[in-house]
Amino acid sequence: MSTLTGQSYPDKRPVVGIFGGSFNPPHIGHMRLALEVQEALRPDRLDFLPTAVSPHKGRRQVLPFTTRARMLEESIKGIPGLAVNPMESERDGPSYTVDTLRIYRE
């Protein structure tokens, strides 16, 4: 089955879209993009994944993780299919996409 049609994989795993970034702060552009992805690709769920430690920005240029995650939660409240995944806050060191995708796959 195609992951682009919003259908699950043959083994029934859900199709999850991942929208990562610093979201410093989250804004209407982030929300619009998420809604466009939902409409076009129809994933079972679209996770916002705020980075804890950006490999490009470090900690000095971003709001605290909990603040950014809370703002995201408020921004998506009431929108079905959108979620905030705080997993990056539980990792040590910079957040790299390859590591995140390995964790999602597991």
PDB file of N, CA and C in Angstrom:
ATOM      1  N   MET A   1       0.835  -1.186   0.000  1.00  0.00           N
ATOM      2  CA  MET A   1       0.000   0.000   0.000  1.00  0.00           C
ATOM      3  C   MET A   1       0.871   1.238   0.000  1.00  0.00           C
ATOM      4  N   SER A   2       0.381   2.291  -0.552  1.00  0.00           N
ATOM      5  CA  SER A   2       1.149   3.518  -0.650  1.00  0.00           C
ATOM      6  C   SER A   2       1.059   4.335   0.635  1.00  0.00           C
ATOM      7  N   THR A   3       2.195   4.868   1.062  1.00  0.00           N
ATOM      8  CA  THR A   3       2.182   5.752   2.223  1.00  0.00           C
ATOM      9  C   THR A   3       1.667   7.136   1.851  1.00  0.00           C
ATOM     10  N   LEU A   4       1.538   7.411   0.570  1.00  0.00           N
ATOM     11  CA  LEU A   4       1.084   8.725   0.135  1.00  0.00           C
ATOM     12  C   LEU A   4      -0.431   8.814   0.017  1.00  0.00           C
ATOM     13  N   THR A   5      -1.121   7.724   0.221  1.00  0.00           N
ATOM     14  CA  THR A   5      -2.572   7.752   0.097  1.00  0.00           C
ATOM     15  C   THR A   5      -3.264   7.777   1.446  1.00  0.00           C
ATOM     16  N   GLY A   6      -2.485   7.759   2.519  1.00  0.00           N
ATOM     17  CA  GLY A   6      -3.073   7.770   3.841  1.00  0.00           C
ATOM     18  C   GLY A   6      -3.482   6.389   4.309  1.00  0.00           C
ATOM     19  N   GLN A   7      -3.105   5.363   3.570  1.00  0.00           N
ATOM     20  CA  GLN A   7      -3.439   4.002   3.959  1.00  0.00           C
ATOM     21  C   GLN A   7      -2.305   3.436   4.793  1.00  0.00           C
ATOM     22  N   SER A   8      -2.656   2.526   5.681  1.00  0.00           N
ATOM     23  CA  SER A   8      -1.649   1.904   6.530  1.00  0.00           C
ATOM     24  C   SER A   8      -0.822   0.911   5.728  1.00  0.00           C
ATOM     25  N   TYR A   9       0.346   0.574   6.271  1.00  0.00           N
ATOM     26  CA  TYR A   9       1.178  -0.460   5.685  1.00  0.00           C
ATOM     27  C   TYR A   9       0.451  -1.795   5.784  1.00  0.00           C
ATOM     28  N   PRO A  10       0.839  -2.787   4.972  1.00  0.00           N
ATOM     29  CA  PRO A  10       0.179  -4.096   5.022  1.00  0.00           C
ATOM     30  C   PRO A  10       0.188  -4.728   6.410  1.00  0.00           C
ATOM     31  N   ASP A  11       1.220  -4.451   7.229  1.00  0.00           N
ATOM     32  CA  ASP A  11       1.272  -5.037   8.574  1.00  0.00           C
ATOM     33  C   ASP A  11       0.525  -4.180   9.593  1.00  0.00           C
ATOM     34  N   LYS A  12      -0.263  -3.257   9.131  1.00  0.00           N
ATOM     35  CA  LYS A  12      -1.157  -2.426   9.950  1.00  0.00           C
ATOM     36  C   LYS A  12      -0.467  -1.328  10.752  1.00  0.00           C
ATOM     37  N   ARG A  13       0.805  -1.071  10.476  1.00  0.00           N
ATOM     38  CA  ARG A  13       1.446   0.072  11.136  1.00  0.00           C
ATOM     39  C   ARG A  13       0.798   1.349  10.622  1.00  0.00           C
ATOM     40  N   PRO A  14       0.538   2.296  11.499  1.00  0.00           N
ATOM     41  CA  PRO A  14      -0.043   3.555  11.017  1.00  0.00           C
ATOM     42  C   PRO A  14       0.980   4.364  10.224  1.00  0.00           C
ATOM     43  N   VAL A  15       0.492   5.167   9.319  1.00  0.00           N
ATOM     44  CA  VAL A  15       1.338   6.084   8.567  1.00  0.00           C
ATOM     45  C   VAL A  15       1.417   7.368   9.393  1.00  0.00           C
ATOM     46  N   VAL A  16       2.641   7.689   9.841  1.00  0.00           N
ATOM     47  CA  VAL A  16       2.847   8.852  10.693  1.00  0.00           C
ATOM     48  C   VAL A  16       3.736   9.848   9.974  1.00  0.00           C
ATOM     49  N   GLY A  17       3.231  11.064   9.818  1.00  0.00           N
ATOM     50  CA  GLY A  17       4.045  12.144   9.287  1.00  0.00           C
ATOM     51  C   GLY A  17       4.821  12.775  10.428  1.00  0.00           C
ATOM     52  N   ILE A  18       6.036  13.210  10.156  1.00  0.00           N
ATOM     53  CA  ILE A  18       6.879  13.821  11.178  1.00  0.00           C
ATOM     54  C   ILE A  18       7.262  15.216  10.707  1.00  0.00           C
ATOM     55  N   PHE A  19       6.917  16.206  11.507  1.00  0.00           N
ATOM     56  CA  PHE A  19       7.221  17.597  11.195  1.00  0.00           C
ATOM     57  C   PHE A  19       8.133  18.118  12.297  1.00  0.00           C
ATOM     58  N   GLY A  20       9.427  18.092  12.040  1.00  0.00           N
ATOM     59  CA  GLY A  20      10.399  18.502  13.039  1.00  0.00           C
ATOM     60  C   GLY A  20      10.889  19.917  12.820  1.00  0.00           C
ATOM     61  N   GLY A  21      11.365  20.498  13.899  1.00  0.00           N
ATOM     62  CA  GLY A  21      11.933  21.835  13.827  1.00  0.00           C
ATOM     63  C   GLY A  21      12.094  22.417  15.209  1.00  0.00           C
ATOM     64  N   SER A  22      12.620  23.612  15.266  1.00  0.00           N
ATOM     65  CA  SER A  22      12.776  24.247  16.571  1.00  0.00           C
ATOM     66  C   SER A  22      11.461  24.859  17.050  1.00  0.00           C
ATOM     67  N   PHE A  23      10.605  25.275  16.116  1.00  0.00           N
ATOM     68  CA  PHE A  23       9.318  25.895  16.461  1.00  0.00           C
ATOM     69  C   PHE A  23       9.550  26.986  17.509  1.00  0.00           C
ATOM     70  N   ASN A  24      10.369  27.940  17.135  1.00  0.00           N
ATOM     71  CA  ASN A  24      10.842  28.968  18.058  1.00  0.00           C
ATOM     72  C   ASN A  24      10.466  30.374  17.583  1.00  0.00           C
ATOM     73  N   PRO A  25       9.240  30.746  17.727  1.00  0.00           N
ATOM     74  CA  PRO A  25       8.075  30.030  18.256  1.00  0.00           C
ATOM     75  C   PRO A  25       7.295  29.401  17.119  1.00  0.00           C
ATOM     76  N   PRO A  26       6.315  28.540  17.469  1.00  0.00           N
ATOM     77  CA  PRO A  26       5.421  28.032  16.423  1.00  0.00           C
ATOM     78  C   PRO A  26       4.593  29.205  15.883  1.00  0.00           C
ATOM     79  N   HIS A  27       4.303  29.160  14.587  1.00  0.00           N
ATOM     80  CA  HIS A  27       3.545  30.259  13.980  1.00  0.00           C
ATOM     81  C   HIS A  27       2.590  29.717  12.920  1.00  0.00           C
ATOM     82  N   ILE A  28       1.840  30.603  12.330  1.00  0.00           N
ATOM     83  CA  ILE A  28       0.790  30.225  11.375  1.00  0.00           C
ATOM     84  C   ILE A  28       1.368  29.470  10.179  1.00  0.00           C
ATOM     85  N   GLY A  29       2.587  29.767   9.784  1.00  0.00           N
ATOM     86  CA  GLY A  29       3.209  29.040   8.674  1.00  0.00           C
ATOM     87  C   GLY A  29       3.384  27.564   8.996  1.00  0.00           C
ATOM     88  N   HIS A  30       3.771  27.264  10.237  1.00  0.00           N
ATOM     89  CA  HIS A  30       3.887  25.867  10.652  1.00  0.00           C
ATOM     90  C   HIS A  30       2.527  25.172  10.607  1.00  0.00           C
ATOM     91  N   MET A  31       1.507  25.852  11.107  1.00  0.00           N
ATOM     92  CA  MET A  31       0.168  25.250  11.153  1.00  0.00           C
ATOM     93  C   MET A  31      -0.375  25.035   9.741  1.00  0.00           C
ATOM     94  N   ARG A  32      -0.185  26.024   8.882  1.00  0.00           N
ATOM     95  CA  ARG A  32      -0.690  25.913   7.507  1.00  0.00           C
ATOM     96  C   ARG A  32      -0.019  24.747   6.786  1.00  0.00           C
ATOM     97  N   LEU A  33       1.286  24.615   6.946  1.00  0.00           N
ATOM     98  CA  LEU A  33       2.012  23.524   6.305  1.00  0.00           C
ATOM     99  C   LEU A  33       1.509  22.172   6.811  1.00  0.00           C
ATOM    100  N   ALA A  34       1.291  22.059   8.110  1.00  0.00           N
ATOM    101  CA  ALA A  34       0.787  20.806   8.681  1.00  0.00           C
ATOM    102  C   ALA A  34      -0.582  20.458   8.108  1.00  0.00           C
ATOM    103  N   LEU A  35      -1.451  21.442   7.987  1.00  0.00           N
ATOM    104  CA  LEU A  35      -2.787  21.191   7.436  1.00  0.00           C
ATOM    105  C   LEU A  35      -2.723  20.810   5.957  1.00  0.00           C
ATOM    106  N   GLU A  36      -1.820  21.431   5.217  1.00  0.00           N
ATOM    107  CA  GLU A  36      -1.649  21.090   3.801  1.00  0.00           C
ATOM    108  C   GLU A  36      -1.165  19.646   3.648  1.00  0.00           C
ATOM    109  N   VAL A  37      -0.221  19.228   4.506  1.00  0.00           N
ATOM    110  CA  VAL A  37       0.274  17.848   4.472  1.00  0.00           C
ATOM    111  C   VAL A  37      -0.862  16.882   4.801  1.00  0.00           C
ATOM    112  N   GLN A  38      -1.637  17.209   5.811  1.00  0.00           N
ATOM    113  CA  GLN A  38      -2.776  16.355   6.169  1.00  0.00           C
ATOM    114  C   GLN A  38      -3.723  16.184   4.989  1.00  0.00           C
ATOM    115  N   GLU A  39      -4.056  17.282   4.341  1.00  0.00           N
ATOM    116  CA  GLU A  39      -5.006  17.231   3.232  1.00  0.00           C
ATOM    117  C   GLU A  39      -4.438  16.502   2.023  1.00  0.00           C
ATOM    118  N   ALA A  40      -3.176  16.714   1.723  1.00  0.00           N
ATOM    119  CA  ALA A  40      -2.577  16.132   0.519  1.00  0.00           C
ATOM    120  C   ALA A  40      -2.178  14.670   0.699  1.00  0.00           C
ATOM    121  N   LEU A  41      -1.579  14.332   1.830  1.00  0.00           N
ATOM    122  CA  LEU A  41      -1.014  12.994   2.007  1.00  0.00           C
ATOM    123  C   LEU A  41      -1.855  12.085   2.891  1.00  0.00           C
ATOM    124  N   ARG A  42      -2.720  12.659   3.696  1.00  0.00           N
ATOM    125  CA  ARG A  42      -3.625  11.919   4.575  1.00  0.00           C
ATOM    126  C   ARG A  42      -2.939  10.879   5.464  1.00  0.00           C
ATOM    127  N   PRO A  43      -1.921  11.297   6.226  1.00  0.00           N
ATOM    128  CA  PRO A  43      -1.320  10.342   7.164  1.00  0.00           C
ATOM    129  C   PRO A  43      -2.330  10.025   8.265  1.00  0.00           C
ATOM    130  N   ASP A  44      -2.130   8.908   8.931  1.00  0.00           N
ATOM    131  CA  ASP A  44      -2.991   8.582  10.061  1.00  0.00           C
ATOM    132  C   ASP A  44      -2.809   9.602  11.187  1.00  0.00           C
ATOM    133  N   ARG A  45      -1.594  10.115  11.294  1.00  0.00           N
ATOM    134  CA  ARG A  45      -1.275  11.106  12.321  1.00  0.00           C
ATOM    135  C   ARG A  45      -0.094  11.932  11.830  1.00  0.00           C
ATOM    136  N   LEU A  46      -0.061  13.191  12.216  1.00  0.00           N
ATOM    137  CA  LEU A  46       1.071  14.064  11.910  1.00  0.00           C
ATOM    138  C   LEU A  46       1.627  14.579  13.234  1.00  0.00           C
ATOM    139  N   ASP A  47       2.865  14.192  13.538  1.00  0.00           N
ATOM    140  CA  ASP A  47       3.516  14.589  14.787  1.00  0.00           C
ATOM    141  C   ASP A  47       4.390  15.812  14.580  1.00  0.00           C
ATOM    142  N   PHE A  48       4.158  16.823  15.402  1.00  0.00           N
ATOM    143  CA  PHE A  48       5.111  17.922  15.522  1.00  0.00           C
ATOM    144  C   PHE A  48       6.198  17.419  16.460  1.00  0.00           C
ATOM    145  N   LEU A  49       7.427  17.588  16.070  1.00  0.00           N
ATOM    146  CA  LEU A  49       8.546  17.074  16.845  1.00  0.00           C
ATOM    147  C   LEU A  49       9.530  18.207  17.127  1.00  0.00           C
ATOM    148  N   PRO A  50       9.281  18.964  18.209  1.00  0.00           N
ATOM    149  CA  PRO A  50      10.205  20.061  18.497  1.00  0.00           C
ATOM    150  C   PRO A  50      11.566  19.529  18.928  1.00  0.00           C
ATOM    151  N   THR A  51      12.612  20.125  18.388  1.00  0.00           N
ATOM    152  CA  THR A  51      13.961  19.716  18.746  1.00  0.00           C
ATOM    153  C   THR A  51      14.299  20.231  20.140  1.00  0.00           C
ATOM    154  N   ALA A  52      15.008  19.430  20.891  1.00  0.00           N
ATOM    155  CA  ALA A  52      15.446  19.866  22.223  1.00  0.00           C
ATOM    156  C   ALA A  52      16.711  20.699  22.093  1.00  0.00           C
ATOM    157  N   VAL A  53      17.713  20.144  21.403  1.00  0.00           N
ATOM    158  CA  VAL A  53      18.978  20.845  21.175  1.00  0.00           C
ATOM    159  C   VAL A  53      19.252  20.812  19.679  1.00  0.00           C
ATOM    160  N   SER A  54      19.097  21.941  19.055  1.00  0.00           N
ATOM    161  CA  SER A  54      19.332  22.024  17.617  1.00  0.00           C
ATOM    162  C   SER A  54      20.826  21.932  17.326  1.00  0.00           C
ATOM    163  N   PRO A  55      21.207  21.072  16.363  1.00  0.00           N
ATOM    164  CA  PRO A  55      22.627  20.999  16.019  1.00  0.00           C
ATOM    165  C   PRO A  55      23.122  22.285  15.357  1.00  0.00           C
ATOM    166  N   HIS A  56      22.189  23.127  14.907  1.00  0.00           N
ATOM    167  CA  HIS A  56      22.554  24.353  14.198  1.00  0.00           C
ATOM    168  C   HIS A  56      22.441  25.598  15.075  1.00  0.00           C
ATOM    169  N   LYS A  57      21.581  25.545  16.087  1.00  0.00           N
ATOM    170  CA  LYS A  57      21.339  26.721  16.910  1.00  0.00           C
ATOM    171  C   LYS A  57      21.823  26.562  18.350  1.00  0.00           C
ATOM    172  N   GLY A  58      21.950  25.326  18.806  1.00  0.00           N
ATOM    173  CA  GLY A  58      22.313  25.116  20.205  1.00  0.00           C
ATOM    174  C   GLY A  58      21.184  25.549  21.119  1.00  0.00           C
ATOM    175  N   ARG A  59      21.477  25.717  22.377  1.00  0.00           N
ATOM    176  CA  ARG A  59      20.454  26.098  23.360  1.00  0.00           C
ATOM    177  C   ARG A  59      20.300  27.607  23.495  1.00  0.00           C
ATOM    178  N   ARG A  60      21.298  28.354  23.093  1.00  0.00           N
ATOM    179  CA  ARG A  60      21.312  29.783  23.389  1.00  0.00           C
ATOM    180  C   ARG A  60      20.302  30.602  22.600  1.00  0.00           C
ATOM    181  N   GLN A  61      19.871  30.133  21.442  1.00  0.00           N
ATOM    182  CA  GLN A  61      19.022  30.949  20.589  1.00  0.00           C
ATOM    183  C   GLN A  61      17.563  30.511  20.565  1.00  0.00           C
ATOM    184  N   VAL A  62      17.181  29.586  21.416  1.00  0.00           N
ATOM    185  CA  VAL A  62      15.795  29.107  21.385  1.00  0.00           C
ATOM    186  C   VAL A  62      15.161  29.187  22.761  1.00  0.00           C
ATOM    187  N   LEU A  63      13.852  29.311  22.761  1.00  0.00           N
ATOM    188  CA  LEU A  63      13.086  29.270  24.001  1.00  0.00           C
ATOM    189  C   LEU A  63      13.232  27.895  24.632  1.00  0.00           C
ATOM    190  N   PRO A  64      12.964  27.770  25.914  1.00  0.00           N
ATOM    191  CA  PRO A  64      13.043  26.449  26.551  1.00  0.00           C
ATOM    192  C   PRO A  64      12.111  25.441  25.863  1.00  0.00           C
ATOM    193  N   PHE A  65      12.557  24.189  25.851  1.00  0.00           N
ATOM    194  CA  PHE A  65      11.784  23.137  25.189  1.00  0.00           C
ATOM    195  C   PHE A  65      10.346  23.095  25.687  1.00  0.00           C
ATOM    196  N   THR A  66      10.157  23.122  26.996  1.00  0.00           N
ATOM    197  CA  THR A  66       8.801  23.004  27.545  1.00  0.00           C
ATOM    198  C   THR A  66       7.902  24.144  27.081  1.00  0.00           C
ATOM    199  N   THR A  67       8.445  25.321  26.923  1.00  0.00           N
ATOM    200  CA  THR A  67       7.666  26.468  26.438  1.00  0.00           C
ATOM    201  C   THR A  67       7.237  26.248  24.996  1.00  0.00           C
ATOM    202  N   ARG A  68       8.183  25.819  24.152  1.00  0.00           N
ATOM    203  CA  ARG A  68       7.861  25.594  22.745  1.00  0.00           C
ATOM    204  C   ARG A  68       6.856  24.450  22.577  1.00  0.00           C
ATOM    205  N   ALA A  69       7.030  23.374  23.350  1.00  0.00           N
ATOM    206  CA  ALA A  69       6.107  22.236  23.271  1.00  0.00           C
ATOM    207  C   ALA A  69       4.710  22.646  23.726  1.00  0.00           C
ATOM    208  N   ARG A  70       4.636  23.427  24.795  1.00  0.00           N
ATOM    209  CA  ARG A  70       3.337  23.891  25.296  1.00  0.00           C
ATOM    210  C   ARG A  70       2.645  24.794  24.263  1.00  0.00           C
ATOM    211  N   MET A  71       3.410  25.670  23.611  1.00  0.00           N
ATOM    212  CA  MET A  71       2.832  26.540  22.577  1.00  0.00           C
ATOM    213  C   MET A  71       2.314  25.703  21.410  1.00  0.00           C
ATOM    214  N   LEU A  72       3.054  24.664  21.034  1.00  0.00           N
ATOM    215  CA  LEU A  72       2.582  23.773  19.968  1.00  0.00           C
ATOM    216  C   LEU A  72       1.287  23.081  20.367  1.00  0.00           C
ATOM    217  N   GLU A  73       1.241  22.560  21.599  1.00  0.00           N
ATOM    218  CA  GLU A  73       0.027  21.892  22.090  1.00  0.00           C
ATOM    219  C   GLU A  73      -1.174  22.831  21.995  1.00  0.00           C
ATOM    220  N   GLU A  74      -1.001  24.060  22.417  1.00  0.00           N
ATOM    221  CA  GLU A  74      -2.090  25.029  22.353  1.00  0.00           C
ATOM    222  C   GLU A  74      -2.475  25.338  20.908  1.00  0.00           C
ATOM    223  N   SER A  75      -1.485  25.379  20.022  1.00  0.00           N
ATOM    224  CA  SER A  75      -1.732  25.708  18.611  1.00  0.00           C
ATOM    225  C   SER A  75      -2.536  24.640  17.893  1.00  0.00           C
ATOM    226  N   ILE A  76      -2.380  23.377  18.289  1.00  0.00           N
ATOM    227  CA  ILE A  76      -3.062  22.294  17.575  1.00  0.00           C
ATOM    228  C   ILE A  76      -4.304  21.789  18.302  1.00  0.00           C
ATOM    229  N   LYS A  77      -4.587  22.361  19.446  1.00  0.00           N
ATOM    230  CA  LYS A  77      -5.728  21.918  20.245  1.00  0.00           C
ATOM    231  C   LYS A  77      -6.995  21.916  19.384  1.00  0.00           C
ATOM    232  N   GLY A  78      -7.678  20.790  19.380  1.00  0.00           N
ATOM    233  CA  GLY A  78      -8.931  20.668  18.639  1.00  0.00           C
ATOM    234  C   GLY A  78      -8.774  20.304  17.175  1.00  0.00           C
ATOM    235  N   ILE A  79      -7.564  20.075  16.710  1.00  0.00           N
ATOM    236  CA  ILE A  79      -7.356  19.699  15.308  1.00  0.00           C
ATOM    237  C   ILE A  79      -7.052  18.204  15.263  1.00  0.00           C
ATOM    238  N   PRO A  80      -7.992  17.410  14.776  1.00  0.00           N
ATOM    239  CA  PRO A  80      -7.788  15.953  14.740  1.00  0.00           C
ATOM    240  C   PRO A  80      -6.577  15.566  13.885  1.00  0.00           C
ATOM    241  N   GLY A  81      -5.871  14.548  14.343  1.00  0.00           N
ATOM    242  CA  GLY A  81      -4.755  14.004  13.568  1.00  0.00           C
ATOM    243  C   GLY A  81      -3.430  14.685  13.805  1.00  0.00           C
ATOM    244  N   LEU A  82      -3.415  15.768  14.577  1.00  0.00           N
ATOM    245  CA  LEU A  82      -2.158  16.444  14.891  1.00  0.00           C
ATOM    246  C   LEU A  82      -1.782  16.138  16.330  1.00  0.00           C
ATOM    247  N   ALA A  83      -0.479  15.941  16.568  1.00  0.00           N
ATOM    248  CA  ALA A  83       0.011  15.638  17.912  1.00  0.00           C
ATOM    249  C   ALA A  83       1.381  16.277  18.097  1.00  0.00           C
ATOM    250  N   VAL A  84       1.770  16.442  19.349  1.00  0.00           N
ATOM    251  CA  VAL A  84       3.117  16.907  19.691  1.00  0.00           C
ATOM    252  C   VAL A  84       3.822  15.747  20.370  1.00  0.00           C
ATOM    253  N   ASN A  85       4.971  15.379  19.846  1.00  0.00           N
ATOM    254  CA  ASN A  85       5.753  14.298  20.426  1.00  0.00           C
ATOM    255  C   ASN A  85       6.961  14.914  21.140  1.00  0.00           C
ATOM    256  N   PRO A  86       7.042  14.753  22.464  1.00  0.00           N
ATOM    257  CA  PRO A  86       8.130  15.370  23.231  1.00  0.00           C
ATOM    258  C   PRO A  86       9.401  14.523  23.321  1.00  0.00           C
ATOM    259  N   MET A  87       9.522  13.476  22.510  1.00  0.00           N
ATOM    260  CA  MET A  87      10.625  12.527  22.656  1.00  0.00           C
ATOM    261  C   MET A  87      12.005  13.161  22.606  1.00  0.00           C
ATOM    262  N   GLU A  88      12.173  14.247  21.878  1.00  0.00           N
ATOM    263  CA  GLU A  88      13.497  14.869  21.764  1.00  0.00           C
ATOM    264  C   GLU A  88      13.982  15.414  23.103  1.00  0.00           C
ATOM    265  N   SER A  89      13.064  15.734  23.999  1.00  0.00           N
ATOM    266  CA  SER A  89      13.467  16.257  25.307  1.00  0.00           C
ATOM    267  C   SER A  89      14.081  15.169  26.179  1.00  0.00           C
ATOM    268  N   GLU A  90      13.874  13.914  25.805  1.00  0.00           N
ATOM    269  CA  GLU A  90      14.373  12.787  26.585  1.00  0.00           C
ATOM    270  C   GLU A  90      15.733  12.293  26.095  1.00  0.00           C
ATOM    271  N   ARG A  91      16.242  12.900  25.033  1.00  0.00           N
ATOM    272  CA  ARG A  91      17.519  12.485  24.460  1.00  0.00           C
ATOM    273  C   ARG A  91      18.636  13.413  24.903  1.00  0.00           C
ATOM    274  N   ASP A  92      19.853  12.894  24.900  1.00  0.00           N
ATOM    275  CA  ASP A  92      21.028  13.705  25.202  1.00  0.00           C
ATOM    276  C   ASP A  92      21.624  14.249  23.913  1.00  0.00           C
ATOM    277  N   GLY A  93      22.197  15.404  23.999  1.00  0.00           N
ATOM    278  CA  GLY A  93      22.908  15.973  22.859  1.00  0.00           C
ATOM    279  C   GLY A  93      22.004  16.522  21.783  1.00  0.00           C
ATOM    280  N   PRO A  94      22.597  16.947  20.675  1.00  0.00           N
ATOM    281  CA  PRO A  94      21.836  17.535  19.577  1.00  0.00           C
ATOM    282  C   PRO A  94      20.866  16.532  18.938  1.00  0.00           C
ATOM    283  N   SER A  95      19.795  17.063  18.390  1.00  0.00           N
ATOM    284  CA  SER A  95      18.791  16.247  17.705  1.00  0.00           C
ATOM    285  C   SER A  95      19.147  16.149  16.223  1.00  0.00           C
ATOM    286  N   TYR A  96      19.392  14.931  15.768  1.00  0.00           N
ATOM    287  CA  TYR A  96      19.661  14.691  14.360  1.00  0.00           C
ATOM    288  C   TYR A  96      18.538  13.841  13.789  1.00  0.00           C
ATOM    289  N   THR A  97      18.083  14.195  12.594  1.00  0.00           N
ATOM    290  CA  THR A  97      16.960  13.508  11.961  1.00  0.00           C
ATOM    291  C   THR A  97      17.178  12.010  11.865  1.00  0.00           C
ATOM    292  N   VAL A  98      18.354  11.581  11.498  1.00  0.00           N
ATOM    293  CA  VAL A  98      18.619  10.149  11.328  1.00  0.00           C
ATOM    294  C   VAL A  98      18.373   9.383  12.629  1.00  0.00           C
ATOM    295  N   ASP A  99      18.766   9.961  13.760  1.00  0.00           N
ATOM    296  CA  ASP A  99      18.533   9.314  15.051  1.00  0.00           C
ATOM    297  C   ASP A  99      17.041   9.264  15.374  1.00  0.00           C
ATOM    298  N   THR A 100      16.365  10.346  15.106  1.00  0.00           N
ATOM    299  CA  THR A 100      14.920  10.428  15.362  1.00  0.00           C
ATOM    300  C   THR A 100      14.180   9.390  14.537  1.00  0.00           C
ATOM    301  N   LEU A 101      14.517   9.257  13.268  1.00  0.00           N
ATOM    302  CA  LEU A 101      13.832   8.287  12.412  1.00  0.00           C
ATOM    303  C   LEU A 101      14.090   6.862  12.869  1.00  0.00           C
ATOM    304  N   ARG A 102      15.271   6.591  13.369  1.00  0.00           N
ATOM    305  CA  ARG A 102      15.548   5.246  13.922  1.00  0.00           C
ATOM    306  C   ARG A 102      14.637   4.955  15.108  1.00  0.00           C
ATOM    307  N   ILE A 103      14.465   5.928  15.978  1.00  0.00           N
ATOM    308  CA  ILE A 103      13.608   5.749  17.141  1.00  0.00           C
ATOM    309  C   ILE A 103      12.162   5.529  16.708  1.00  0.00           C
ATOM    310  N   TYR A 104      11.681   6.316  15.764  1.00  0.00           N
ATOM    311  CA  TYR A 104      10.310   6.135  15.265  1.00  0.00           C
ATOM    312  C   TYR A 104      10.127   4.740  14.676  1.00  0.00           C
ATOM    313  N   ARG A 105      11.108   4.295  13.930  1.00  0.00           N
ATOM    314  CA  ARG A 105      10.995   2.992  13.294  1.00  0.00           C
ATOM    315  C   ARG A 105      10.885   1.866  14.313  1.00  0.00           C
ATOM    316  N   GLU A 106      11.623   2.005  15.422  1.00  0.00           N
ATOM    317  CA  GLU A 106      11.583   0.993  16.486  1.00  0.00           C
ATOM    318  C   GLU A 106      10.220   0.983  17.123  1.00  0.00           C
TER     319      GLU A 106
END
